[in-house]
Amino acid sequence: MEKPKLSIVILNYNTGELLRGCLQSLYEIKNDLAFEVIVIDNDSSDDSEKLVYENFKWVTLLKNRTNLGFAKGNNRAKNIVKSEYILFLNSDTIVGKAVLGRCLTYFKKNKLGALSCKLLLPDGTTDRDARRSFITPWIGLVHLFLKLDRVFPNSKLFAKYWYGYIPDDITIQVDAIQGAFFLTSKNILDKVGWFDEDYFLDGEDVDLCWKIGKLGYKIIYFPEVSIIHLKGATKGKNRLKKFISLSDRFKYRLSGVNSMEIFYRKRLWDEYPSYINYLVLLGIKILKLVRFIEVLVFK
């Protein structure tokens, strides 16, 4: 049997029907490139496991006994993957022809650290989170609080978080790419220790990019090809509220802010004076309160 040129790792948690669409899209392009697919299930309560066993026998399924979160869940693939190149892929994505081959070719040719393609939302617009800057105190102020990047979306001063001043069809080096489509190599992952398991949901991809970048590798946004991203589905955002417990809604809504605090303390704390650090922490606490209230009001 031919050794796969790419290992595709898909973490699943109660997204069975979305997973079906993702795996079907991969099945339809299986002759484009020799790849393996590993689905890691975080103890789903839907029919995800049965779905994979019965309909996608060519897929390797790993079943976790509890919901380990994004980082720890994906890290289970560490000793399973058979290829040097690894693609972390969300279950709420649809991959078309030529995407995998062109991304892998560009990655290898340029000896990159990580790469993501363009992510298209169902309405055809670009998912801006495909390329991001690290949230420094300034970027956090203008993006999260003042929201000036919405007012001046093309400003180099105010729109740094989403690189709004650079057209989304240009290949560029960025701080961070999104975990929905995250291509890298096992060699690099082994060097940086894979995903940091201090994160449960959100922030793991940004933190991994930080570690890869610190080794001197480039992180590239490569929009010459694109996939469809059914945004938010893997985090429960697109599921009917009656099927999501209040505790889970709090978890999902606060996950981004919690991860932001972890990232800042781990990676940026020593780069700024104490008064800036404590102002940042105050801002994070305010964001947590706002999102907590939002869950209560709009539950």
C-alpha atoms as a PDB file:
ATOM      1  CA  MET A   1       0.000   0.000   0.000  1.00  0.00           C
ATOM      2  CA  GLU A   2       1.325   3.456  -0.973  1.00  0.00           C
ATOM      3  CA  LYS A   3       2.517   5.564   1.933  1.00  0.00           C
ATOM      4  CA  PRO A   4       0.280   8.643   2.222  1.00  0.00           C
ATOM      5  CA  LYS A   5       1.777  11.970   1.168  1.00  0.00           C
ATOM      6  CA  LEU A   6      -0.523  13.751   3.620  1.00  0.00           C
ATOM      7  CA  SER A   7      -2.239  12.876   6.889  1.00  0.00           C
ATOM      8  CA  ILE A   8      -5.553  14.689   7.410  1.00  0.00           C
ATOM      9  CA  VAL A   9      -6.648  14.944  11.044  1.00  0.00           C
ATOM     10  CA  ILE A  10     -10.282  15.838  11.748  1.00  0.00           C
ATOM     11  CA  LEU A  11     -11.493  16.392  15.299  1.00  0.00           C
ATOM     12  CA  ASN A  12     -15.203  15.736  15.767  1.00  0.00           C
ATOM     13  CA  TYR A  13     -17.636  16.529  18.551  1.00  0.00           C
ATOM     14  CA  ASN A  14     -21.318  16.018  17.787  1.00  0.00           C
ATOM     15  CA  THR A  15     -21.096  17.255  14.189  1.00  0.00           C
ATOM     16  CA  GLY A  16     -22.087  14.026  12.458  1.00  0.00           C
ATOM     17  CA  GLU A  17     -23.877  15.421   9.431  1.00  0.00           C
ATOM     18  CA  LEU A  18     -21.207  18.027   8.858  1.00  0.00           C
ATOM     19  CA  LEU A  19     -18.561  15.349   9.189  1.00  0.00           C
ATOM     20  CA  ARG A  20     -20.396  13.323   6.547  1.00  0.00           C
ATOM     21  CA  GLY A  21     -20.157  16.229   4.101  1.00  0.00           C
ATOM     22  CA  CYS A  22     -16.478  16.791   4.855  1.00  0.00           C
ATOM     23  CA  LEU A  23     -15.524  13.128   4.445  1.00  0.00           C
ATOM     24  CA  GLN A  24     -17.600  12.811   1.278  1.00  0.00           C
ATOM     25  CA  SER A  25     -15.754  15.783  -0.228  1.00  0.00           C
ATOM     26  CA  LEU A  26     -12.438  14.104   0.607  1.00  0.00           C
ATOM     27  CA  TYR A  27     -13.615  10.794  -0.845  1.00  0.00           C
ATOM     28  CA  GLU A  28     -14.419  12.528  -4.127  1.00  0.00           C
ATOM     29  CA  ILE A  29     -10.831  13.796  -4.457  1.00  0.00           C
ATOM     30  CA  LYS A  30      -9.035  10.727  -3.112  1.00  0.00           C
ATOM     31  CA  ASN A  31      -7.436  10.088  -6.519  1.00  0.00           C
ATOM     32  CA  ASP A  32      -5.846  13.566  -6.580  1.00  0.00           C
ATOM     33  CA  LEU A  33      -3.342  12.811  -3.840  1.00  0.00           C
ATOM     34  CA  ALA A  34      -2.424   9.842  -1.658  1.00  0.00           C
ATOM     35  CA  PHE A  35      -3.700  10.817   1.762  1.00  0.00           C
ATOM     36  CA  GLU A  36      -4.993   9.188   4.922  1.00  0.00           C
ATOM     37  CA  VAL A  37      -7.804  10.544   7.062  1.00  0.00           C
ATOM     38  CA  ILE A  38      -7.900  10.210  10.831  1.00  0.00           C
ATOM     39  CA  VAL A  39     -11.100  11.205  12.625  1.00  0.00           C
ATOM     40  CA  ILE A  40     -10.706  11.766  16.355  1.00  0.00           C
ATOM     41  CA  ASP A  41     -14.049  11.761  18.126  1.00  0.00           C
ATOM     42  CA  ASN A  42     -14.346  13.628  21.430  1.00  0.00           C
ATOM     43  CA  ASP A  43     -16.983  11.327  22.939  1.00  0.00           C
ATOM     44  CA  SER A  44     -19.843  12.514  20.728  1.00  0.00           C
ATOM     45  CA  SER A  45     -23.373  11.648  21.772  1.00  0.00           C
ATOM     46  CA  ASP A  46     -24.747  11.727  18.223  1.00  0.00           C
ATOM     47  CA  ASP A  47     -24.270   9.039  15.555  1.00  0.00           C
ATOM     48  CA  SER A  48     -20.822  10.236  14.442  1.00  0.00           C
ATOM     49  CA  GLU A  49     -19.067   6.991  15.317  1.00  0.00           C
ATOM     50  CA  LYS A  50     -21.656   4.844  13.559  1.00  0.00           C
ATOM     51  CA  LEU A  51     -21.564   7.186  10.566  1.00  0.00           C
ATOM     52  CA  VAL A  52     -17.830   6.724  10.063  1.00  0.00           C
ATOM     53  CA  TYR A  53     -17.840   2.964  10.643  1.00  0.00           C
ATOM     54  CA  GLU A  54     -20.687   2.310   8.248  1.00  0.00           C
ATOM     55  CA  ASN A  55     -20.018   4.817   5.459  1.00  0.00           C
ATOM     56  CA  PHE A  56     -16.319   5.639   5.472  1.00  0.00           C
ATOM     57  CA  LYS A  57     -14.448   2.422   6.151  1.00  0.00           C
ATOM     58  CA  TRP A  58     -11.257   3.891   4.646  1.00  0.00           C
ATOM     59  CA  VAL A  59     -11.096   6.408   7.512  1.00  0.00           C
ATOM     60  CA  THR A  60      -9.227   5.681  10.745  1.00  0.00           C
ATOM     61  CA  LEU A  61     -11.432   6.478  13.751  1.00  0.00           C
ATOM     62  CA  LEU A  62     -10.084   7.161  17.240  1.00  0.00           C
ATOM     63  CA  LYS A  63     -12.658   7.387  20.004  1.00  0.00           C
ATOM     64  CA  ASN A  64     -12.020   9.426  23.153  1.00  0.00           C
ATOM     65  CA  ARG A  65     -13.921   8.543  26.310  1.00  0.00           C
ATOM     66  CA  THR A  66     -14.391  12.207  27.234  1.00  0.00           C
ATOM     67  CA  ASN A  67     -14.392  15.540  25.427  1.00  0.00           C
ATOM     68  CA  LEU A  68     -10.676  16.363  25.534  1.00  0.00           C
ATOM     69  CA  GLY A  69     -11.024  19.711  23.777  1.00  0.00           C
ATOM     70  CA  PHE A  70      -9.334  20.826  20.563  1.00  0.00           C
ATOM     71  CA  ALA A  71      -5.667  20.737  21.562  1.00  0.00           C
ATOM     72  CA  LYS A  72      -5.539  17.478  23.477  1.00  0.00           C
ATOM     73  CA  GLY A  73      -7.946  15.832  21.055  1.00  0.00           C
ATOM     74  CA  ASN A  74      -5.856  16.647  17.981  1.00  0.00           C
ATOM     75  CA  ASN A  75      -2.656  15.681  19.773  1.00  0.00           C
ATOM     76  CA  ARG A  76      -3.876  12.090  19.904  1.00  0.00           C
ATOM     77  CA  ALA A  77      -2.809  11.832  16.269  1.00  0.00           C
ATOM     78  CA  LYS A  78       0.833  12.341  17.261  1.00  0.00           C
ATOM     79  CA  ASN A  79       1.759   8.665  17.169  1.00  0.00           C
ATOM     80  CA  ILE A  80      -0.791   7.620  14.567  1.00  0.00           C
ATOM     81  CA  VAL A  81      -0.047   9.709  11.474  1.00  0.00           C
ATOM     82  CA  LYS A  82       1.881   7.981   8.706  1.00  0.00           C
ATOM     83  CA  SER A  83       2.916  11.009   6.658  1.00  0.00           C
ATOM     84  CA  GLU A  84       5.499  13.704   7.292  1.00  0.00           C
ATOM     85  CA  TYR A  85       2.911  16.346   6.321  1.00  0.00           C
ATOM     86  CA  ILE A  86      -0.187  16.923   8.404  1.00  0.00           C
ATOM     87  CA  LEU A  87      -3.370  18.859   7.728  1.00  0.00           C
ATOM     88  CA  PHE A  88      -5.629  19.703  10.658  1.00  0.00           C
ATOM     89  CA  LEU A  89      -9.076  20.111   9.119  1.00  0.00           C
ATOM     90  CA  ASN A  90     -12.412  21.089  10.657  1.00  0.00           C
ATOM     91  CA  SER A  91     -15.371  18.792  10.201  1.00  0.00           C
ATOM     92  CA  ASP A  92     -17.420  21.787   8.997  1.00  0.00           C
ATOM     93  CA  THR A  93     -15.420  22.176   5.782  1.00  0.00           C
ATOM     94  CA  ILE A  94     -15.828  21.061   2.178  1.00  0.00           C
ATOM     95  CA  VAL A  95     -12.631  20.466   0.216  1.00  0.00           C
ATOM     96  CA  GLY A  96     -12.574  20.572  -3.588  1.00  0.00           C
ATOM     97  CA  LYS A  97     -10.236  19.311  -6.295  1.00  0.00           C
ATOM     98  CA  ALA A  98      -6.608  20.467  -6.478  1.00  0.00           C
ATOM     99  CA  VAL A  99      -6.692  22.123  -3.046  1.00  0.00           C
ATOM    100  CA  LEU A 100      -4.608  19.554  -1.193  1.00  0.00           C
ATOM    101  CA  GLY A 101      -2.059  19.031  -3.935  1.00  0.00           C
ATOM    102  CA  ARG A 102      -1.440  22.727  -4.606  1.00  0.00           C
ATOM    103  CA  CYS A 103      -1.183  23.583  -0.914  1.00  0.00           C
ATOM    104  CA  LEU A 104       1.221  20.742  -0.210  1.00  0.00           C
ATOM    105  CA  THR A 105       3.369  21.585  -3.238  1.00  0.00           C
ATOM    106  CA  TYR A 106       3.634  25.244  -2.225  1.00  0.00           C
ATOM    107  CA  PHE A 107       4.363  24.297   1.382  1.00  0.00           C
ATOM    108  CA  LYS A 108       7.197  21.924   0.459  1.00  0.00           C
ATOM    109  CA  LYS A 109       8.691  24.134  -2.256  1.00  0.00           C
ATOM    110  CA  ASN A 110       8.992  27.102   0.104  1.00  0.00           C
ATOM    111  CA  LYS A 111       9.937  25.114   3.222  1.00  0.00           C
ATOM    112  CA  LEU A 112       7.200  26.733   5.281  1.00  0.00           C
ATOM    113  CA  GLY A 113       6.178  26.337   8.889  1.00  0.00           C
ATOM    114  CA  ALA A 114       2.415  26.389   8.338  1.00  0.00           C
ATOM    115  CA  LEU A 115      -0.060  27.251   5.593  1.00  0.00           C
ATOM    116  CA  SER A 116      -3.762  27.880   5.167  1.00  0.00           C
ATOM    117  CA  CYS A 117      -5.767  28.497   2.009  1.00  0.00           C
ATOM    118  CA  LYS A 118      -8.679  30.892   1.523  1.00  0.00           C
ATOM    119  CA  LEU A 119     -11.764  29.896   3.530  1.00  0.00           C
ATOM    120  CA  LEU A 120     -15.100  30.786   1.970  1.00  0.00           C
ATOM    121  CA  LEU A 121     -18.254  31.099   4.041  1.00  0.00           C
ATOM    122  CA  PRO A 122     -21.532  29.636   2.688  1.00  0.00           C
ATOM    123  CA  ASP A 123     -22.546  33.061   1.338  1.00  0.00           C
ATOM    124  CA  GLY A 124     -19.372  33.245  -0.739  1.00  0.00           C
ATOM    125  CA  THR A 125     -17.576  35.836   1.368  1.00  0.00           C
ATOM    126  CA  THR A 126     -14.116  35.251   2.778  1.00  0.00           C
ATOM    127  CA  ASP A 127     -13.703  34.047   6.355  1.00  0.00           C
ATOM    128  CA  ARG A 128     -11.503  36.827   7.695  1.00  0.00           C
ATOM    129  CA  ASP A 129     -10.193  34.613  10.500  1.00  0.00           C
ATOM    130  CA  ALA A 130      -8.180  32.628   7.952  1.00  0.00           C
ATOM    131  CA  ARG A 131      -5.391  35.190   8.460  1.00  0.00           C
ATOM    132  CA  ARG A 132      -4.819  37.037  11.713  1.00  0.00           C
ATOM    133  CA  SER A 133      -2.316  39.084  13.644  1.00  0.00           C
ATOM    134  CA  PHE A 134      -1.457  38.318  17.242  1.00  0.00           C
ATOM    135  CA  ILE A 135      -3.633  40.384  19.581  1.00  0.00           C
ATOM    136  CA  THR A 136      -1.169  42.835  21.050  1.00  0.00           C
ATOM    137  CA  PRO A 137      -2.519  45.500  23.442  1.00  0.00           C
ATOM    138  CA  TRP A 138      -2.997  47.940  20.535  1.00  0.00           C
ATOM    139  CA  ILE A 139      -4.687  45.429  18.244  1.00  0.00           C
ATOM    140  CA  GLY A 140      -6.884  44.243  21.110  1.00  0.00           C
ATOM    141  CA  LEU A 141      -7.971  47.820  21.828  1.00  0.00           C
ATOM    142  CA  VAL A 142      -8.927  48.719  18.257  1.00  0.00           C
ATOM    143  CA  HIS A 143     -10.365  45.296  17.341  1.00  0.00           C
ATOM    144  CA  LEU A 144     -12.191  44.148  20.477  1.00  0.00           C
ATOM    145  CA  PHE A 145     -13.187  47.391  22.194  1.00  0.00           C
ATOM    146  CA  LEU A 146     -13.188  50.316  19.782  1.00  0.00           C
ATOM    147  CA  LYS A 147     -13.948  48.079  16.772  1.00  0.00           C
ATOM    148  CA  LEU A 148     -12.225  50.582  14.513  1.00  0.00           C
ATOM    149  CA  ASP A 149     -11.337  47.884  12.003  1.00  0.00           C
ATOM    150  CA  ARG A 150     -15.049  47.701  11.191  1.00  0.00           C
ATOM    151  CA  VAL A 151     -15.160  51.469  10.650  1.00  0.00           C
ATOM    152  CA  PHE A 152     -11.854  51.613   8.766  1.00  0.00           C
ATOM    153  CA  PRO A 153     -11.578  48.091   7.286  1.00  0.00           C
ATOM    154  CA  ASN A 154      -8.719  49.010   4.926  1.00  0.00           C
ATOM    155  CA  SER A 155      -6.619  50.972   7.401  1.00  0.00           C
ATOM    156  CA  LYS A 156      -3.101  49.747   8.094  1.00  0.00           C
ATOM    157  CA  LEU A 157      -3.291  51.403  11.507  1.00  0.00           C
ATOM    158  CA  PHE A 158      -6.676  50.093  12.630  1.00  0.00           C
ATOM    159  CA  ALA A 159      -7.259  46.924  10.568  1.00  0.00           C
ATOM    160  CA  LYS A 160      -4.156  44.929  11.463  1.00  0.00           C
ATOM    161  CA  TYR A 161      -5.953  42.018  13.111  1.00  0.00           C
ATOM    162  CA  TRP A 162      -7.515  40.711   9.875  1.00  0.00           C
ATOM    163  CA  TYR A 163      -4.903  42.291   7.574  1.00  0.00           C
ATOM    164  CA  GLY A 164      -7.738  44.325   6.103  1.00  0.00           C
ATOM    165  CA  TYR A 165      -5.336  46.612   4.267  1.00  0.00           C
ATOM    166  CA  ILE A 166      -4.166  43.691   2.086  1.00  0.00           C
ATOM    167  CA  PRO A 167      -6.568  42.168  -0.505  1.00  0.00           C
ATOM    168  CA  ASP A 168      -7.677  38.660   0.461  1.00  0.00           C
ATOM    169  CA  ASP A 169      -6.565  37.185  -2.864  1.00  0.00           C
ATOM    170  CA  ILE A 170      -2.861  37.896  -2.265  1.00  0.00           C
ATOM    171  CA  THR A 171      -0.484  35.310  -0.797  1.00  0.00           C
ATOM    172  CA  ILE A 172       1.143  36.837   2.287  1.00  0.00           C
ATOM    173  CA  GLN A 173       3.087  35.943   5.388  1.00  0.00           C
ATOM    174  CA  VAL A 174       0.927  36.343   8.509  1.00  0.00           C
ATOM    175  CA  ASP A 175       1.181  35.934  12.262  1.00  0.00           C
ATOM    176  CA  ALA A 176      -1.454  33.223  12.516  1.00  0.00           C
ATOM    177  CA  ILE A 177      -3.777  31.049  10.461  1.00  0.00           C
ATOM    178  CA  GLN A 178      -6.997  29.340  11.461  1.00  0.00           C
ATOM    179  CA  GLY A 179      -7.173  25.772  12.723  1.00  0.00           C
ATOM    180  CA  ALA A 180      -9.990  24.972  10.292  1.00  0.00           C
ATOM    181  CA  PHE A 181      -7.332  24.309   7.622  1.00  0.00           C
ATOM    182  CA  PHE A 182      -3.852  24.142   9.117  1.00  0.00           C
ATOM    183  CA  LEU A 183      -1.122  22.496   7.051  1.00  0.00           C
ATOM    184  CA  THR A 184       2.257  21.825   8.660  1.00  0.00           C
ATOM    185  CA  SER A 185       4.790  19.012   9.072  1.00  0.00           C
ATOM    186  CA  LYS A 186       5.287  16.389  11.754  1.00  0.00           C
ATOM    187  CA  ASN A 187       8.925  17.423  12.088  1.00  0.00           C
ATOM    188  CA  ILE A 188       7.878  20.959  13.014  1.00  0.00           C
ATOM    189  CA  LEU A 189       5.098  19.757  15.314  1.00  0.00           C
ATOM    190  CA  ASP A 190       7.520  17.503  17.155  1.00  0.00           C
ATOM    191  CA  LYS A 191       9.931  20.419  17.579  1.00  0.00           C
ATOM    192  CA  VAL A 192       7.308  22.714  19.145  1.00  0.00           C
ATOM    193  CA  GLY A 193       5.409  20.071  21.112  1.00  0.00           C
ATOM    194  CA  TRP A 194       2.225  20.013  19.002  1.00  0.00           C
ATOM    195  CA  PHE A 195      -0.787  21.923  20.358  1.00  0.00           C
ATOM    196  CA  ASP A 196      -0.479  23.438  23.833  1.00  0.00           C
ATOM    197  CA  GLU A 197      -2.959  21.509  25.978  1.00  0.00           C
ATOM    198  CA  ASP A 198      -3.500  24.415  28.370  1.00  0.00           C
ATOM    199  CA  TYR A 199      -6.075  25.535  25.785  1.00  0.00           C
ATOM    200  CA  PHE A 200      -9.384  23.687  25.657  1.00  0.00           C
ATOM    201  CA  LEU A 201     -11.218  25.509  22.855  1.00  0.00           C
ATOM    202  CA  ASP A 202      -9.953  28.473  20.789  1.00  0.00           C
ATOM    203  CA  GLY A 203      -6.466  29.917  20.700  1.00  0.00           C
ATOM    204  CA  GLU A 204      -4.618  26.654  20.103  1.00  0.00           C
ATOM    205  CA  ASP A 205      -3.994  27.513  16.450  1.00  0.00           C
ATOM    206  CA  VAL A 206      -2.713  30.998  17.301  1.00  0.00           C
ATOM    207  CA  ASP A 207      -0.421  29.611  19.988  1.00  0.00           C
ATOM    208  CA  LEU A 208       0.919  26.942  17.622  1.00  0.00           C
ATOM    209  CA  CYS A 209       1.669  29.626  15.025  1.00  0.00           C
ATOM    210  CA  TRP A 210       3.532  31.610  17.669  1.00  0.00           C
ATOM    211  CA  LYS A 211       5.720  28.610  18.507  1.00  0.00           C
ATOM    212  CA  ILE A 212       6.364  27.798  14.852  1.00  0.00           C
ATOM    213  CA  GLY A 213       7.206  31.410  14.081  1.00  0.00           C
ATOM    214  CA  LYS A 214       9.661  31.546  16.966  1.00  0.00           C
ATOM    215  CA  LEU A 215      11.653  28.793  15.243  1.00  0.00           C
ATOM    216  CA  GLY A 216      12.058  31.076  12.235  1.00  0.00           C
ATOM    217  CA  TYR A 217       9.498  29.414   9.951  1.00  0.00           C
ATOM    218  CA  LYS A 218       7.025  31.392   7.839  1.00  0.00           C
ATOM    219  CA  ILE A 219       3.258  31.171   8.337  1.00  0.00           C
ATOM    220  CA  ILE A 220       1.564  31.680   4.970  1.00  0.00           C
ATOM    221  CA  TYR A 221      -1.962  32.546   3.848  1.00  0.00           C
ATOM    222  CA  PHE A 222      -2.288  30.989   0.377  1.00  0.00           C
ATOM    223  CA  PRO A 223      -5.530  32.090  -1.349  1.00  0.00           C
ATOM    224  CA  GLU A 224      -4.816  30.584  -4.759  1.00  0.00           C
ATOM    225  CA  VAL A 225      -7.153  27.767  -3.721  1.00  0.00           C
ATOM    226  CA  SER A 226     -10.103  27.769  -1.343  1.00  0.00           C
ATOM    227  CA  ILE A 227     -12.419  25.541   0.671  1.00  0.00           C
ATOM    228  CA  ILE A 228     -15.897  26.102   2.087  1.00  0.00           C
ATOM    229  CA  HIS A 229     -16.094  26.718   5.833  1.00  0.00           C
ATOM    230  CA  LEU A 230     -19.457  26.372   7.582  1.00  0.00           C
ATOM    231  CA  LYS A 231     -18.250  28.774  10.251  1.00  0.00           C
ATOM    232  CA  GLY A 232     -18.810  28.032  13.918  1.00  0.00           C
ATOM    233  CA  ALA A 233     -20.418  24.637  13.552  1.00  0.00           C
ATOM    234  CA  THR A 234     -17.658  22.726  15.305  1.00  0.00           C
ATOM    235  CA  LYS A 235     -18.057  24.958  18.377  1.00  0.00           C
ATOM    236  CA  GLY A 236     -21.799  24.545  18.656  1.00  0.00           C
ATOM    237  CA  LYS A 237     -22.593  28.008  17.345  1.00  0.00           C
ATOM    238  CA  ASN A 238     -24.748  26.740  14.505  1.00  0.00           C
ATOM    239  CA  ARG A 239     -26.680  24.113  16.447  1.00  0.00           C
ATOM    240  CA  LEU A 240     -30.180  24.683  17.744  1.00  0.00           C
ATOM    241  CA  LYS A 241     -30.073  26.188  21.220  1.00  0.00           C
ATOM    242  CA  LYS A 242     -32.456  23.620  22.648  1.00  0.00           C
ATOM    243  CA  PHE A 243     -29.778  20.972  22.053  1.00  0.00           C
ATOM    244  CA  ILE A 244     -27.041  22.922  23.854  1.00  0.00           C
ATOM    245  CA  SER A 245     -26.947  23.128  27.629  1.00  0.00           C
ATOM    246  CA  LEU A 246     -26.571  26.488  29.325  1.00  0.00           C
ATOM    247  CA  SER A 247     -23.203  25.425  30.718  1.00  0.00           C
ATOM    248  CA  ASP A 248     -21.986  24.557  27.207  1.00  0.00           C
ATOM    249  CA  ARG A 249     -23.214  27.907  25.894  1.00  0.00           C
ATOM    250  CA  PHE A 250     -21.167  29.657  28.590  1.00  0.00           C
ATOM    251  CA  LYS A 251     -18.179  27.479  27.695  1.00  0.00           C
ATOM    252  CA  TYR A 252     -18.391  28.251  23.974  1.00  0.00           C
ATOM    253  CA  ARG A 253     -19.039  31.978  24.455  1.00  0.00           C
ATOM    254  CA  LEU A 254     -16.208  32.483  26.930  1.00  0.00           C
ATOM    255  CA  SER A 255     -13.679  30.169  25.300  1.00  0.00           C
ATOM    256  CA  GLY A 256     -12.153  32.819  23.065  1.00  0.00           C
ATOM    257  CA  VAL A 257     -11.628  35.277  25.908  1.00  0.00           C
ATOM    258  CA  ASN A 258     -10.205  32.592  28.206  1.00  0.00           C
ATOM    259  CA  SER A 259      -7.781  31.553  25.486  1.00  0.00           C
ATOM    260  CA  MET A 260      -6.821  35.165  24.897  1.00  0.00           C
ATOM    261  CA  GLU A 261      -5.807  35.472  28.526  1.00  0.00           C
ATOM    262  CA  ILE A 262      -3.774  32.243  28.388  1.00  0.00           C
ATOM    263  CA  PHE A 263      -1.998  33.399  25.235  1.00  0.00           C
ATOM    264  CA  TYR A 264      -1.211  36.841  26.582  1.00  0.00           C
ATOM    265  CA  ARG A 265       0.179  35.498  29.855  1.00  0.00           C
ATOM    266  CA  LYS A 266       2.263  32.842  28.062  1.00  0.00           C
ATOM    267  CA  ARG A 267       3.551  34.724  25.031  1.00  0.00           C
ATOM    268  CA  LEU A 268       3.244  38.507  25.447  1.00  0.00           C
ATOM    269  CA  TRP A 269       3.497  39.213  29.172  1.00  0.00           C
ATOM    270  CA  ASP A 270       7.256  39.753  29.196  1.00  0.00           C
ATOM    271  CA  GLU A 271       7.155  42.076  26.196  1.00  0.00           C
ATOM    272  CA  TYR A 272       5.228  44.891  27.884  1.00  0.00           C
ATOM    273  CA  PRO A 273       5.533  46.913  31.112  1.00  0.00           C
ATOM    274  CA  SER A 274       3.460  45.890  34.123  1.00  0.00           C
ATOM    275  CA  TYR A 275       0.916  48.703  33.820  1.00  0.00           C
ATOM    276  CA  ILE A 276       0.111  47.657  30.230  1.00  0.00           C
ATOM    277  CA  ASN A 277      -0.221  44.019  31.282  1.00  0.00           C
ATOM    278  CA  TYR A 278      -2.689  44.824  34.038  1.00  0.00           C
ATOM    279  CA  LEU A 279      -4.713  47.073  31.751  1.00  0.00           C
ATOM    280  CA  VAL A 280      -4.912  44.161  29.301  1.00  0.00           C
ATOM    281  CA  LEU A 281      -6.093  41.822  32.062  1.00  0.00           C
ATOM    282  CA  LEU A 282      -8.724  44.366  33.084  1.00  0.00           C
ATOM    283  CA  GLY A 283      -9.944  44.516  29.505  1.00  0.00           C
ATOM    284  CA  ILE A 284     -10.148  40.723  29.359  1.00  0.00           C
ATOM    285  CA  LYS A 285     -12.188  40.626  32.589  1.00  0.00           C
ATOM    286  CA  ILE A 286     -14.584  43.196  31.122  1.00  0.00           C
ATOM    287  CA  LEU A 287     -14.960  41.114  27.949  1.00  0.00           C
ATOM    288  CA  LYS A 288     -15.731  38.020  30.024  1.00  0.00           C
ATOM    289  CA  LEU A 289     -18.425  39.890  31.934  1.00  0.00           C
ATOM    290  CA  VAL A 290     -19.985  41.215  28.726  1.00  0.00           C
ATOM    291  CA  ARG A 291     -20.118  37.766  27.147  1.00  0.00           C
ATOM    292  CA  PHE A 292     -21.445  36.189  30.326  1.00  0.00           C
ATOM    293  CA  ILE A 293     -24.299  38.690  30.325  1.00  0.00           C
ATOM    294  CA  GLU A 294     -24.939  38.077  26.616  1.00  0.00           C
ATOM    295  CA  VAL A 295     -25.455  34.366  27.266  1.00  0.00           C
ATOM    296  CA  LEU A 296     -27.921  35.112  30.078  1.00  0.00           C
ATOM    297  CA  VAL A 297     -29.855  37.719  28.088  1.00  0.00           C
ATOM    298  CA  PHE A 298     -30.020  35.832  24.790  1.00  0.00           C
ATOM    299  CA  LYS A 299     -30.290  32.283  26.118  1.00  0.00           C
END
